[in-house]
Amino acid sequence: MTAFGVGMIERLFASLQALGVLYGKILKTLQDMPQDAAYRKYTEQIVTERYNHVKTEQDIEKLETKINCGQIEEVIQQAENELQLARKMVEWKPWQPLIGQAPANQWKWPVN
């Protein structure tokens, strides 16, 4: 078991709070998208699962293991990036129909 100083404990507690706030903001932003939008469905599922871990797990090492995406500082950075992307997705509205006809074979893979 690692011994933490008061400063370290406060920093870790602040990290948990920050992560919870970020996940809450992401979930709120997703509400501005149609329920059947693919990005909303899959992001909401992942973020909700992680948010529940943050609410129920106070041990940072156990939380990092449950989320399985690196150290808590990295997970916070990922959440900040996801929030930015979610806000951009609301702006871009990728769930709306295309303005014009897509070029032939646009969605074909691999490209020849």
Protein backbone atom coordinates (compact mmCIF):
# COMPACT_ATOMS: atom_id res chain seq x y z
CA MET A 1 0.00 0.00 0.00
CA THR A 2 1.32 3.42 -0.92
CA ALA A 3 1.31 6.17 1.69
CA PHE A 4 -0.06 9.47 0.43
CA GLY A 5 0.50 12.88 1.91
CA VAL A 6 -2.39 15.28 2.51
CA GLY A 7 -1.54 17.18 -0.67
CA MET A 8 -1.63 14.02 -2.75
CA ILE A 9 -4.96 12.94 -1.27
CA GLU A 10 -6.46 16.34 -2.03
CA ARG A 11 -5.15 16.18 -5.61
CA LEU A 12 -6.59 12.70 -6.13
CA PHE A 13 -9.94 13.75 -4.66
CA ALA A 14 -9.96 16.78 -6.98
CA SER A 15 -9.20 14.44 -9.90
CA LEU A 16 -12.23 12.31 -9.06
CA GLN A 17 -14.41 15.40 -8.82
CA ALA A 18 -13.08 16.77 -12.11
CA LEU A 19 -13.72 13.47 -13.87
CA GLY A 20 -17.26 13.29 -12.51
CA VAL A 21 -17.97 16.84 -13.68
CA LEU A 22 -16.56 16.11 -17.14
CA TYR A 23 -18.61 12.95 -17.54
CA GLY A 24 -21.72 14.84 -16.44
CA LYS A 25 -21.05 17.56 -19.02
CA ILE A 26 -20.53 14.98 -21.77
CA LEU A 27 -23.81 13.26 -20.92
CA LYS A 28 -25.61 16.61 -20.88
CA THR A 29 -24.15 17.54 -24.28
CA LEU A 30 -25.23 14.19 -25.73
CA GLN A 31 -28.83 15.06 -24.83
CA ASP A 32 -28.73 17.66 -27.63
CA MET A 33 -28.40 14.85 -30.20
CA PRO A 34 -31.11 12.55 -31.53
CA GLN A 35 -31.42 9.36 -29.48
CA ASP A 36 -30.71 7.21 -32.53
CA ALA A 37 -27.51 9.06 -33.51
CA ALA A 38 -24.70 6.48 -33.48
CA TYR A 39 -22.21 8.77 -31.77
CA ARG A 40 -24.69 9.50 -28.97
CA LYS A 41 -25.66 5.86 -28.43
CA TYR A 42 -22.15 4.51 -28.14
CA THR A 43 -20.59 7.45 -26.33
CA GLU A 44 -23.47 7.59 -23.85
CA GLN A 45 -23.02 3.89 -23.09
CA ILE A 46 -19.28 4.21 -22.42
CA VAL A 47 -19.47 7.48 -20.48
CA THR A 48 -22.38 6.30 -18.34
CA GLU A 49 -20.46 3.17 -17.38
CA ARG A 50 -17.36 5.19 -16.49
CA TYR A 51 -19.41 7.82 -14.65
CA ASN A 52 -20.96 5.10 -12.50
CA HIS A 53 -17.48 3.81 -11.67
CA VAL A 54 -16.41 7.31 -10.61
CA LYS A 55 -19.48 7.67 -8.38
CA THR A 56 -18.97 4.31 -6.65
CA GLU A 57 -15.19 3.83 -6.53
CA GLN A 58 -13.03 6.12 -4.38
CA ASP A 59 -9.81 4.11 -4.74
CA ILE A 60 -7.89 5.64 -7.66
CA GLU A 61 -5.99 2.47 -8.55
CA LYS A 62 -9.18 0.40 -8.61
CA LEU A 63 -10.91 3.09 -10.65
CA GLU A 64 -8.05 3.12 -13.16
CA THR A 65 -8.36 -0.67 -13.45
CA LYS A 66 -12.14 -0.52 -13.95
CA ILE A 67 -11.96 2.21 -16.60
CA ASN A 68 -8.89 0.54 -18.16
CA CYS A 69 -7.66 3.56 -20.13
CA GLY A 70 -4.51 4.61 -18.30
CA GLN A 71 -3.75 6.67 -15.24
CA ILE A 72 -6.42 8.99 -13.86
CA GLU A 73 -4.69 12.04 -15.35
CA GLU A 74 -4.86 10.41 -18.79
CA VAL A 75 -8.51 9.49 -18.28
CA ILE A 76 -9.27 13.12 -17.39
CA GLN A 77 -7.50 14.28 -20.57
CA GLN A 78 -9.52 11.77 -22.60
CA ALA A 79 -12.75 13.04 -21.02
CA GLU A 80 -11.81 16.66 -21.80
CA ASN A 81 -11.16 15.66 -25.42
CA GLU A 82 -14.44 13.75 -25.60
CA LEU A 83 -16.35 16.76 -24.27
CA GLN A 84 -14.81 18.95 -26.97
CA LEU A 85 -15.70 16.39 -29.64
CA ALA A 86 -19.27 16.01 -28.35
CA ARG A 87 -19.77 19.77 -28.54
CA LYS A 88 -18.38 19.78 -32.10
CA MET A 89 -20.68 16.91 -33.06
CA VAL A 90 -23.68 18.95 -31.88
CA GLU A 91 -22.43 21.81 -34.05
CA TRP A 92 -21.71 19.59 -37.10
CA LYS A 93 -24.92 17.51 -36.87
CA PRO A 94 -23.53 14.44 -38.69
CA TRP A 95 -26.86 12.63 -38.23
CA GLN A 96 -28.57 14.93 -40.74
CA PRO A 97 -28.91 13.87 -44.38
CA LEU A 98 -26.18 14.83 -46.83
CA ILE A 99 -26.66 18.16 -48.59
CA GLY A 100 -25.90 16.57 -51.96
CA GLN A 101 -25.36 13.18 -53.51
CA ALA A 102 -22.27 11.36 -52.24
CA PRO A 103 -19.69 10.48 -54.91
CA ALA A 104 -19.83 6.90 -56.23
CA ASN A 105 -17.86 4.45 -54.07
CA GLN A 106 -17.27 7.06 -51.35
CA TRP A 107 -17.94 4.48 -48.65
CA LYS A 108 -16.13 1.61 -50.40
CA TRP A 109 -13.10 0.19 -48.60
CA PRO A 110 -10.33 -0.47 -49.44
CA VAL A 111 -9.82 2.35 -51.88
CA ASN A 112 -8.39 1.05 -55.17
